[in-house]
């Protein structure tokens, strides 16, 4: 098992790789059949599981919203992991020629992405906070209509890193040499 301080507190990680091969000489040709299955991980970047507080130097925002987080913490953030198998055959004719053929089928799960926007132009946030003061002419924070509720209170969007994606990688690899 792996541990990393950037893993979420609830993350479960099980990397490892297992393989088998069989090699045999057939006259002047050496042949090898091989196969493996495994799982590898890429941990979250430093700080991705943590919340990020708004910058206190933005006085106008603090007067309207009070202290708040622009990015929410994610204690469940898991590492991205790739798993799958591959198999192949290798043929060697001394140092004159070789042929290596590999078939692979891999899936990458738990891809990490930031979800939510901090402005209405790029889409809604993951969550939001409501202003602590009602709008009026003296504290009318620059807030477009997309950020207001029916009572004209302003909202500020928040973001969070989440495990949201998967991709699949499959195919054939072939290498040969003649010399």
N, C-alpha and C. Protein backbone atom coordinates (compact mmCIF):
# COMPACT_ATOMS: atom_id res chain seq x y z
N UNK A 1 0.85 -1.19 0.00
CA UNK A 1 0.00 0.00 0.00
C UNK A 1 0.88 1.24 0.00
N UNK A 2 0.36 2.32 -0.51
CA UNK A 2 1.10 3.58 -0.55
C UNK A 2 0.44 4.59 0.37
N UNK A 3 1.26 5.48 0.89
CA UNK A 3 0.76 6.60 1.68
C UNK A 3 1.43 7.85 1.15
N UNK A 4 0.68 8.93 1.13
CA UNK A 4 1.21 10.20 0.68
C UNK A 4 0.42 11.27 1.42
N UNK A 5 1.06 12.34 1.90
CA UNK A 5 0.33 13.36 2.65
C UNK A 5 -0.71 14.10 1.80
N UNK A 6 -0.64 13.96 0.46
CA UNK A 6 -1.62 14.63 -0.40
C UNK A 6 -2.85 13.78 -0.67
N UNK A 7 -2.84 12.50 -0.24
CA UNK A 7 -4.04 11.67 -0.37
C UNK A 7 -5.10 12.20 0.59
N UNK A 8 -6.36 12.07 0.20
CA UNK A 8 -7.43 12.39 1.13
C UNK A 8 -7.39 11.42 2.30
N UNK A 9 -7.93 11.83 3.43
CA UNK A 9 -7.89 11.00 4.64
C UNK A 9 -8.61 9.67 4.46
N UNK A 10 -9.61 9.62 3.59
CA UNK A 10 -10.39 8.41 3.37
C UNK A 10 -9.97 7.63 2.13
N UNK A 11 -8.92 8.04 1.45
CA UNK A 11 -8.48 7.39 0.20
C UNK A 11 -7.94 6.00 0.47
N UNK A 12 -8.28 5.05 -0.41
CA UNK A 12 -7.76 3.69 -0.33
C UNK A 12 -6.90 3.46 -1.56
N UNK A 13 -5.66 3.00 -1.35
CA UNK A 13 -4.70 2.88 -2.44
C UNK A 13 -4.13 1.46 -2.45
N UNK A 14 -4.18 0.81 -3.62
CA UNK A 14 -3.64 -0.54 -3.74
C UNK A 14 -2.86 -0.69 -5.05
N UNK A 15 -1.63 -0.18 -5.12
CA UNK A 15 -0.86 -0.38 -6.35
C UNK A 15 -0.20 -1.76 -6.35
N UNK A 16 0.37 -2.12 -7.45
CA UNK A 16 1.11 -3.38 -7.56
C UNK A 16 1.08 -3.89 -8.99
N UNK A 17 2.06 -4.70 -9.35
CA UNK A 17 2.13 -5.26 -10.69
C UNK A 17 2.54 -6.72 -10.58
N UNK A 18 1.92 -7.57 -11.38
CA UNK A 18 2.20 -8.99 -11.40
C UNK A 18 2.44 -9.40 -12.84
N UNK A 19 3.42 -10.24 -13.05
CA UNK A 19 3.73 -10.66 -14.41
C UNK A 19 4.25 -12.08 -14.46
N UNK A 20 4.21 -12.62 -15.65
CA UNK A 20 4.71 -13.96 -15.88
C UNK A 20 5.32 -13.98 -17.29
N UNK A 21 6.36 -14.78 -17.44
CA UNK A 21 6.95 -14.92 -18.77
C UNK A 21 7.45 -16.35 -18.96
N UNK A 22 7.53 -16.75 -20.20
CA UNK A 22 8.05 -18.06 -20.56
C UNK A 22 9.00 -17.86 -21.73
N UNK A 23 10.26 -18.29 -21.58
CA UNK A 23 11.26 -18.11 -22.63
C UNK A 23 11.79 -19.47 -23.08
N UNK A 24 12.11 -19.53 -24.37
CA UNK A 24 12.60 -20.80 -24.92
C UNK A 24 13.45 -20.51 -26.15
N UNK A 25 14.51 -21.28 -26.30
CA UNK A 25 15.33 -21.21 -27.50
C UNK A 25 14.85 -22.25 -28.49
N UNK A 26 14.64 -21.81 -29.71
CA UNK A 26 14.21 -22.70 -30.79
C UNK A 26 15.27 -22.63 -31.89
N UNK A 27 16.30 -23.41 -31.75
CA UNK A 27 17.42 -23.33 -32.69
C UNK A 27 18.10 -21.99 -32.53
N UNK A 28 18.29 -21.22 -33.62
CA UNK A 28 18.96 -19.92 -33.54
C UNK A 28 18.03 -18.78 -33.07
N UNK A 29 16.79 -19.10 -32.80
CA UNK A 29 15.81 -18.08 -32.40
C UNK A 29 15.48 -18.23 -30.92
N UNK A 30 15.50 -17.09 -30.21
CA UNK A 30 15.04 -17.05 -28.82
C UNK A 30 13.64 -16.44 -28.82
N UNK A 31 12.74 -17.09 -28.11
CA UNK A 31 11.35 -16.62 -28.06
C UNK A 31 10.92 -16.44 -26.61
N UNK A 32 10.13 -15.42 -26.39
CA UNK A 32 9.60 -15.18 -25.05
C UNK A 32 8.13 -14.76 -25.16
N UNK A 33 7.26 -15.40 -24.40
CA UNK A 33 5.87 -14.97 -24.23
C UNK A 33 5.78 -14.33 -22.86
N UNK A 34 5.08 -13.23 -22.76
CA UNK A 34 4.98 -12.54 -21.48
C UNK A 34 3.60 -11.93 -21.31
N UNK A 35 3.23 -11.76 -20.07
CA UNK A 35 1.97 -11.10 -19.73
C UNK A 35 2.09 -10.46 -18.35
N UNK A 36 1.35 -9.40 -18.15
CA UNK A 36 1.37 -8.74 -16.84
C UNK A 36 0.06 -8.02 -16.61
N UNK A 37 -0.24 -7.81 -15.36
CA UNK A 37 -1.40 -7.02 -14.96
C UNK A 37 -0.95 -6.18 -13.77
N UNK A 38 -1.35 -4.93 -13.75
CA UNK A 38 -0.91 -4.11 -12.64
C UNK A 38 -1.71 -2.85 -12.47
N UNK A 39 -1.31 -2.14 -11.45
CA UNK A 39 -1.98 -0.90 -11.09
C UNK A 39 -0.91 0.06 -10.58
N UNK A 40 -0.91 1.27 -11.10
CA UNK A 40 0.01 2.30 -10.63
C UNK A 40 -0.79 3.54 -10.28
N UNK A 41 -0.17 4.42 -9.51
CA UNK A 41 -0.90 5.60 -9.05
C UNK A 41 -0.11 6.87 -9.32
N UNK A 42 -0.84 7.98 -9.35
CA UNK A 42 -0.24 9.31 -9.35
C UNK A 42 -0.98 10.10 -8.27
N UNK A 43 -0.27 10.49 -7.21
CA UNK A 43 -0.94 11.17 -6.10
C UNK A 43 -1.41 12.57 -6.50
N UNK A 44 -2.39 13.10 -5.77
CA UNK A 44 -2.79 14.49 -5.99
C UNK A 44 -1.61 15.42 -5.76
N UNK A 45 -1.61 16.53 -6.45
CA UNK A 45 -0.56 17.53 -6.24
C UNK A 45 -0.69 18.13 -4.84
N UNK A 46 0.41 18.67 -4.37
CA UNK A 46 0.43 19.26 -3.04
C UNK A 46 -0.65 20.32 -2.91
N UNK A 47 -1.46 20.22 -1.88
CA UNK A 47 -2.48 21.22 -1.58
C UNK A 47 -3.82 21.01 -2.26
N UNK A 48 -3.96 20.03 -3.18
CA UNK A 48 -5.24 19.87 -3.88
C UNK A 48 -6.36 19.41 -2.96
N UNK A 49 -6.06 18.69 -1.89
CA UNK A 49 -7.12 18.23 -0.98
C UNK A 49 -7.53 19.30 0.03
N UNK A 50 -6.77 20.39 0.10
CA UNK A 50 -6.99 21.42 1.12
C UNK A 50 -7.89 22.55 0.61
N UNK A 51 -8.51 23.23 1.55
CA UNK A 51 -9.30 24.42 1.19
C UNK A 51 -8.34 25.60 1.01
N UNK A 52 -8.84 26.59 0.29
CA UNK A 52 -8.06 27.82 0.09
C UNK A 52 -8.93 28.99 0.52
N UNK A 53 -8.46 29.72 1.50
CA UNK A 53 -9.20 30.88 2.00
C UNK A 53 -9.01 32.06 1.06
N UNK A 54 -10.02 32.87 0.98
CA UNK A 54 -9.93 34.09 0.18
C UNK A 54 -8.84 34.99 0.75
N UNK A 55 -8.23 35.74 -0.11
CA UNK A 55 -7.16 36.64 0.28
C UNK A 55 -7.72 37.79 1.12
N UNK A 56 -7.29 37.94 2.39
CA UNK A 56 -7.83 39.00 3.25
C UNK A 56 -7.54 40.41 2.74
N UNK A 57 -6.58 40.55 1.83
CA UNK A 57 -6.28 41.88 1.31
C UNK A 57 -7.38 42.38 0.36
N UNK A 58 -8.29 41.49 -0.04
CA UNK A 58 -9.43 41.90 -0.87
C UNK A 58 -10.52 42.45 0.04
N UNK A 59 -10.28 43.60 0.58
CA UNK A 59 -11.12 44.20 1.62
C UNK A 59 -12.59 44.28 1.21
N UNK A 60 -12.85 44.66 -0.02
CA UNK A 60 -14.24 44.80 -0.49
C UNK A 60 -14.98 43.47 -0.39
N UNK A 61 -14.34 42.35 -0.79
CA UNK A 61 -14.99 41.05 -0.70
C UNK A 61 -15.23 40.65 0.75
N UNK A 62 -14.28 40.93 1.65
CA UNK A 62 -14.45 40.58 3.05
C UNK A 62 -15.57 41.39 3.70
N UNK A 63 -15.77 42.63 3.27
CA UNK A 63 -16.88 43.42 3.81
C UNK A 63 -18.22 42.86 3.37
N UNK A 64 -18.28 42.31 2.17
CA UNK A 64 -19.55 41.79 1.63
C UNK A 64 -19.81 40.35 2.06
N UNK A 65 -18.77 39.48 2.05
CA UNK A 65 -18.97 38.05 2.31
C UNK A 65 -18.43 37.58 3.65
N UNK A 66 -17.59 38.36 4.31
CA UNK A 66 -16.91 37.88 5.50
C UNK A 66 -15.80 36.92 5.08
N UNK A 67 -15.14 36.26 6.04
CA UNK A 67 -14.10 35.30 5.66
C UNK A 67 -14.75 34.09 4.96
N UNK A 68 -14.15 33.63 3.87
CA UNK A 68 -14.72 32.48 3.14
C UNK A 68 -13.61 31.76 2.40
N UNK A 69 -13.92 30.52 1.96
CA UNK A 69 -13.00 29.71 1.17
C UNK A 69 -13.37 29.83 -0.31
N UNK A 70 -12.38 30.13 -1.13
CA UNK A 70 -12.63 30.14 -2.58
C UNK A 70 -12.59 28.72 -3.13
N UNK A 71 -11.84 27.84 -2.46
CA UNK A 71 -11.82 26.43 -2.84
C UNK A 71 -12.10 25.58 -1.61
N UNK A 72 -13.02 24.63 -1.75
CA UNK A 72 -13.41 23.76 -0.65
C UNK A 72 -12.44 22.60 -0.50
N UNK A 73 -12.24 22.15 0.74
CA UNK A 73 -11.37 21.00 1.00
C UNK A 73 -12.06 19.73 0.50
N UNK A 74 -11.27 18.70 0.17
CA UNK A 74 -11.81 17.40 -0.22
C UNK A 74 -11.04 16.31 0.52
N UNK A 75 -11.54 15.88 1.70
CA UNK A 75 -10.83 14.85 2.46
C UNK A 75 -10.90 13.47 1.80
N UNK A 76 -11.73 13.30 0.77
CA UNK A 76 -11.86 12.01 0.08
C UNK A 76 -11.06 11.95 -1.22
N UNK A 77 -10.26 12.96 -1.52
CA UNK A 77 -9.51 12.99 -2.78
C UNK A 77 -8.54 11.81 -2.86
N UNK A 78 -8.73 11.01 -3.88
CA UNK A 78 -7.90 9.81 -4.09
C UNK A 78 -6.87 10.07 -5.18
N UNK A 79 -5.82 9.26 -5.22
CA UNK A 79 -4.86 9.41 -6.32
C UNK A 79 -5.47 8.90 -7.63
N UNK A 80 -4.99 9.44 -8.74
CA UNK A 80 -5.36 8.88 -10.04
C UNK A 80 -4.68 7.51 -10.11
N UNK A 81 -5.34 6.54 -10.74
CA UNK A 81 -4.68 5.24 -10.87
C UNK A 81 -4.93 4.63 -12.25
N UNK A 82 -3.91 3.95 -12.73
CA UNK A 82 -3.98 3.26 -14.01
C UNK A 82 -3.90 1.77 -13.71
N UNK A 83 -4.76 1.02 -14.36
CA UNK A 83 -4.73 -0.43 -14.17
C UNK A 83 -5.04 -1.11 -15.49
N UNK A 84 -4.55 -2.31 -15.61
CA UNK A 84 -4.82 -3.07 -16.81
C UNK A 84 -3.73 -4.07 -17.09
N UNK A 85 -3.89 -4.73 -18.21
CA UNK A 85 -2.95 -5.77 -18.56
C UNK A 85 -2.29 -5.53 -19.89
N UNK A 86 -1.22 -6.28 -20.08
CA UNK A 86 -0.55 -6.29 -21.36
C UNK A 86 0.07 -7.65 -21.56
N UNK A 87 0.21 -8.03 -22.79
CA UNK A 87 0.83 -9.30 -23.12
C UNK A 87 1.59 -9.15 -24.41
N UNK A 88 2.54 -10.04 -24.60
CA UNK A 88 3.29 -9.91 -25.83
C UNK A 88 4.21 -11.07 -26.10
N UNK A 89 4.89 -10.93 -27.23
CA UNK A 89 5.81 -11.94 -27.68
C UNK A 89 7.08 -11.22 -28.15
N UNK A 90 8.25 -11.84 -27.86
CA UNK A 90 9.53 -11.30 -28.30
C UNK A 90 10.28 -12.41 -29.02
N UNK A 91 10.78 -12.08 -30.20
CA UNK A 91 11.59 -13.03 -30.97
C UNK A 91 12.93 -12.39 -31.28
N UNK A 92 14.01 -13.13 -31.03
CA UNK A 92 15.36 -12.63 -31.29
C UNK A 92 16.12 -13.67 -32.10
N UNK A 93 16.80 -13.21 -33.15
CA UNK A 93 17.66 -14.09 -33.94
C UNK A 93 19.09 -13.58 -33.74
N UNK A 94 19.70 -14.04 -32.66
CA UNK A 94 21.03 -13.57 -32.30
C UNK A 94 21.00 -12.06 -32.14
N UNK A 95 22.01 -11.38 -32.71
CA UNK A 95 22.02 -9.93 -32.68
C UNK A 95 21.65 -9.35 -34.04
N UNK A 96 21.14 -10.21 -34.93
CA UNK A 96 20.81 -9.78 -36.30
C UNK A 96 19.42 -9.20 -36.45
N UNK A 97 18.46 -9.77 -35.77
CA UNK A 97 17.09 -9.33 -35.97
C UNK A 97 16.27 -9.54 -34.70
N UNK A 98 15.25 -8.71 -34.53
CA UNK A 98 14.33 -8.89 -33.41
C UNK A 98 12.94 -8.39 -33.80
N UNK A 99 11.95 -8.94 -33.14
CA UNK A 99 10.56 -8.50 -33.32
C UNK A 99 9.89 -8.58 -31.95
N UNK A 100 9.31 -7.47 -31.51
CA UNK A 100 8.61 -7.40 -30.23
C UNK A 100 7.20 -6.91 -30.51
N UNK A 101 6.20 -7.69 -30.10
CA UNK A 101 4.80 -7.33 -30.30
C UNK A 101 4.12 -7.32 -28.93
N UNK A 102 3.41 -6.23 -28.62
CA UNK A 102 2.74 -6.08 -27.33
C UNK A 102 1.30 -5.63 -27.54
N UNK A 103 0.38 -6.23 -26.83
CA UNK A 103 -1.03 -5.82 -26.81
C UNK A 103 -1.29 -5.27 -25.42
N UNK A 104 -1.88 -4.05 -25.34
CA UNK A 104 -2.15 -3.46 -24.04
C UNK A 104 -3.59 -2.98 -23.95
N UNK A 105 -4.10 -3.01 -22.76
CA UNK A 105 -5.46 -2.56 -22.48
C UNK A 105 -5.45 -1.97 -21.06
N UNK A 106 -5.42 -0.65 -20.97
CA UNK A 106 -5.28 0.04 -19.68
C UNK A 106 -6.43 1.03 -19.49
N UNK A 107 -6.79 1.24 -18.26
CA UNK A 107 -7.80 2.24 -17.90
C UNK A 107 -7.22 3.15 -16.82
N UNK A 108 -7.41 4.44 -16.99
CA UNK A 108 -6.99 5.40 -15.97
C UNK A 108 -8.27 5.93 -15.33
N UNK A 109 -8.39 5.76 -14.03
CA UNK A 109 -9.58 6.17 -13.28
C UNK A 109 -9.22 7.23 -12.25
N UNK A 110 -10.25 7.88 -11.75
CA UNK A 110 -10.12 8.90 -10.70
C UNK A 110 -9.28 10.09 -11.14
N UNK A 111 -9.34 10.45 -12.42
CA UNK A 111 -8.60 11.63 -12.86
C UNK A 111 -9.06 12.84 -12.05
N UNK A 112 -8.12 13.67 -11.65
CA UNK A 112 -8.40 14.81 -10.78
C UNK A 112 -8.59 16.06 -11.63
N UNK A 113 -9.67 16.77 -11.33
CA UNK A 113 -9.93 18.04 -12.02
C UNK A 113 -10.59 18.99 -11.03
N UNK A 114 -10.36 20.28 -11.24
CA UNK A 114 -11.05 21.26 -10.40
C UNK A 114 -12.45 21.44 -10.98
N UNK A 115 -13.44 21.43 -10.12
CA UNK A 115 -14.83 21.53 -10.55
C UNK A 115 -15.40 22.83 -10.01
N UNK A 116 -16.07 23.53 -10.88
CA UNK A 116 -16.68 24.80 -10.50
C UNK A 116 -15.87 25.97 -10.98
N UNK A 117 -16.55 27.04 -11.19
CA UNK A 117 -15.93 28.27 -11.66
C UNK A 117 -16.08 29.33 -10.58
N UNK A 118 -15.26 30.33 -10.65
CA UNK A 118 -15.40 31.42 -9.69
C UNK A 118 -16.19 32.58 -10.27
N UNK A 119 -16.65 32.43 -11.54
CA UNK A 119 -17.46 33.51 -12.12
C UNK A 119 -18.53 32.93 -13.02
N UNK A 120 -19.58 33.69 -13.26
CA UNK A 120 -20.72 33.23 -14.05
C UNK A 120 -20.38 33.08 -15.52
N UNK A 121 -19.38 33.77 -15.99
CA UNK A 121 -19.01 33.69 -17.40
C UNK A 121 -18.56 32.28 -17.75
N UNK A 122 -17.78 31.64 -16.86
CA UNK A 122 -17.28 30.28 -17.10
C UNK A 122 -18.20 29.19 -16.58
N UNK A 123 -19.36 29.52 -16.12
CA UNK A 123 -20.31 28.54 -15.62
C UNK A 123 -20.42 28.59 -14.11
N UNK A 124 -21.36 27.84 -13.56
CA UNK A 124 -21.59 27.90 -12.11
C UNK A 124 -20.46 27.23 -11.32
N UNK A 125 -20.38 27.59 -10.08
CA UNK A 125 -19.41 26.98 -9.19
C UNK A 125 -19.93 25.67 -8.64
N UNK A 126 -19.10 24.99 -7.88
CA UNK A 126 -19.50 23.75 -7.23
C UNK A 126 -20.47 24.06 -6.09
N UNK A 127 -20.21 25.13 -5.41
CA UNK A 127 -21.05 25.60 -4.31
C UNK A 127 -20.93 27.12 -4.30
N UNK A 128 -21.63 27.75 -3.38
CA UNK A 128 -21.56 29.21 -3.30
C UNK A 128 -21.81 29.67 -1.88
N UNK A 129 -21.43 30.91 -1.61
CA UNK A 129 -21.72 31.53 -0.33
C UNK A 129 -22.51 32.80 -0.60
N UNK A 130 -23.41 33.13 0.31
CA UNK A 130 -24.26 34.31 0.18
C UNK A 130 -23.62 35.48 0.92
N UNK A 131 -23.77 36.67 0.39
CA UNK A 131 -23.24 37.85 1.06
C UNK A 131 -23.88 38.00 2.44
N UNK A 132 -23.15 38.59 3.37
CA UNK A 132 -23.64 38.72 4.74
C UNK A 132 -24.39 40.03 4.96
N UNK A 133 -24.33 40.90 3.99
CA UNK A 133 -25.02 42.19 4.10
C UNK A 133 -25.96 42.36 2.92
N UNK A 134 -27.13 42.95 3.14
CA UNK A 134 -28.03 43.20 2.01
C UNK A 134 -27.43 44.28 1.11
N UNK A 135 -27.73 44.20 -0.18
CA UNK A 135 -27.18 45.20 -1.09
C UNK A 135 -27.81 46.57 -0.87
N UNK A 136 -27.00 47.59 -1.00
CA UNK A 136 -27.48 48.96 -1.01
C UNK A 136 -26.44 49.81 -1.74
N UNK A 137 -26.64 51.05 -1.83
CA UNK A 137 -25.74 51.89 -2.62
C UNK A 137 -24.36 52.03 -1.99
N UNK A 138 -24.22 51.81 -0.67
CA UNK A 138 -22.90 51.98 -0.05
C UNK A 138 -22.06 50.71 -0.07
N UNK A 139 -22.69 49.54 -0.19
CA UNK A 139 -21.90 48.31 -0.20
C UNK A 139 -22.22 47.45 -1.43
N UNK A 140 -22.57 48.08 -2.53
CA UNK A 140 -22.94 47.34 -3.74
C UNK A 140 -21.69 46.76 -4.39
N UNK A 141 -21.29 45.61 -3.92
CA UNK A 141 -20.15 44.90 -4.47
C UNK A 141 -20.41 44.63 -5.95
N UNK A 142 -19.36 44.71 -6.77
CA UNK A 142 -19.50 44.47 -8.21
C UNK A 142 -19.97 43.04 -8.44
N UNK A 143 -21.27 42.87 -8.66
CA UNK A 143 -21.87 41.54 -8.73
C UNK A 143 -22.87 41.54 -9.88
N UNK A 144 -22.61 40.72 -10.89
CA UNK A 144 -23.53 40.68 -12.04
C UNK A 144 -24.85 40.03 -11.63
N UNK A 145 -25.86 40.14 -12.47
CA UNK A 145 -27.18 39.59 -12.14
C UNK A 145 -27.14 38.06 -12.00
N UNK A 146 -26.19 37.40 -12.63
CA UNK A 146 -26.07 35.95 -12.51
C UNK A 146 -25.64 35.53 -11.10
N UNK A 147 -25.14 36.47 -10.31
CA UNK A 147 -24.66 36.17 -8.97
C UNK A 147 -25.66 36.59 -7.89
N UNK A 148 -26.84 37.03 -8.26
CA UNK A 148 -27.79 37.55 -7.26
C UNK A 148 -28.99 36.64 -7.12
N UNK A 149 -29.58 36.65 -5.89
CA UNK A 149 -30.83 35.91 -5.69
C UNK A 149 -32.00 36.88 -5.81
N UNK A 150 -33.21 36.41 -5.53
CA UNK A 150 -34.40 37.22 -5.70
C UNK A 150 -34.41 38.44 -4.77
N UNK A 151 -33.73 38.35 -3.64
CA UNK A 151 -33.64 39.48 -2.71
C UNK A 151 -32.45 40.39 -3.02
N UNK A 152 -31.76 40.13 -4.12
CA UNK A 152 -30.62 40.90 -4.61
C UNK A 152 -29.35 40.69 -3.79
N UNK A 153 -29.33 39.65 -2.93
CA UNK A 153 -28.09 39.31 -2.24
C UNK A 153 -27.12 38.73 -3.26
N UNK A 154 -25.87 39.02 -3.08
CA UNK A 154 -24.83 38.59 -3.99
C UNK A 154 -24.30 37.22 -3.55
N UNK A 155 -23.92 36.39 -4.51
CA UNK A 155 -23.33 35.08 -4.24
C UNK A 155 -21.95 35.00 -4.85
N UNK A 156 -21.07 34.26 -4.19
CA UNK A 156 -19.71 34.04 -4.67
C UNK A 156 -19.54 32.54 -4.86
N UNK A 157 -19.14 32.13 -6.06
CA UNK A 157 -18.96 30.71 -6.34
C UNK A 157 -17.69 30.17 -5.71
N UNK A 158 -17.70 28.85 -5.45
CA UNK A 158 -16.56 28.15 -4.88
C UNK A 158 -16.19 26.95 -5.76
N UNK A 159 -14.95 26.49 -5.65
CA UNK A 159 -14.44 25.36 -6.42
C UNK A 159 -14.00 24.24 -5.49
N UNK A 160 -13.72 23.06 -6.10
CA UNK A 160 -13.18 21.94 -5.34
C UNK A 160 -12.51 20.96 -6.31
N UNK A 161 -11.38 20.38 -5.89
CA UNK A 161 -10.77 19.31 -6.67
C UNK A 161 -11.51 18.02 -6.39
N UNK A 162 -11.90 17.31 -7.47
CA UNK A 162 -12.64 16.06 -7.35
C UNK A 162 -12.03 15.01 -8.28
N UNK A 163 -12.26 13.74 -7.94
CA UNK A 163 -11.93 12.63 -8.84
C UNK A 163 -13.13 12.47 -9.77
N UNK A 164 -12.98 12.89 -11.03
CA UNK A 164 -14.16 12.95 -11.91
C UNK A 164 -14.03 12.22 -13.24
N UNK A 165 -12.85 11.80 -13.64
CA UNK A 165 -12.71 11.31 -15.00
C UNK A 165 -12.08 9.94 -15.12
N UNK A 166 -12.29 9.33 -16.29
CA UNK A 166 -11.66 8.06 -16.66
C UNK A 166 -11.31 8.11 -18.14
N UNK A 167 -10.22 7.47 -18.51
CA UNK A 167 -9.87 7.31 -19.91
C UNK A 167 -9.38 5.89 -20.12
N UNK A 168 -9.43 5.45 -21.36
CA UNK A 168 -8.99 4.10 -21.68
C UNK A 168 -7.90 4.17 -22.75
N UNK A 169 -6.89 3.35 -22.59
CA UNK A 169 -5.78 3.29 -23.52
C UNK A 169 -5.62 1.83 -23.93
N UNK A 170 -5.84 1.55 -25.20
CA UNK A 170 -5.66 0.18 -25.66
C UNK A 170 -5.03 0.20 -27.05
N UNK A 171 -4.30 -0.84 -27.35
CA UNK A 171 -3.69 -0.89 -28.67
C UNK A 171 -2.59 -1.91 -28.78
N UNK A 172 -1.89 -1.81 -29.87
CA UNK A 172 -0.78 -2.69 -30.20
C UNK A 172 0.49 -1.88 -30.32
N UNK A 173 1.59 -2.43 -29.88
CA UNK A 173 2.91 -1.85 -30.09
C UNK A 173 3.78 -2.89 -30.77
N UNK A 174 4.50 -2.45 -31.78
CA UNK A 174 5.40 -3.39 -32.47
C UNK A 174 6.75 -2.69 -32.70
N UNK A 175 7.81 -3.43 -32.41
CA UNK A 175 9.16 -2.91 -32.64
C UNK A 175 9.97 -4.01 -33.31
N UNK A 176 10.74 -3.62 -34.28
CA UNK A 176 11.60 -4.59 -34.95
C UNK A 176 12.94 -3.98 -35.28
N UNK A 177 13.92 -4.83 -35.42
CA UNK A 177 15.25 -4.34 -35.83
C UNK A 177 15.89 -5.39 -36.74
N UNK A 178 16.71 -4.89 -37.61
CA UNK A 178 17.44 -5.74 -38.55
C UNK A 178 18.83 -5.16 -38.68
N UNK A 179 19.81 -5.94 -38.42
CA UNK A 179 21.15 -5.36 -38.45
C UNK A 179 22.18 -6.26 -38.84
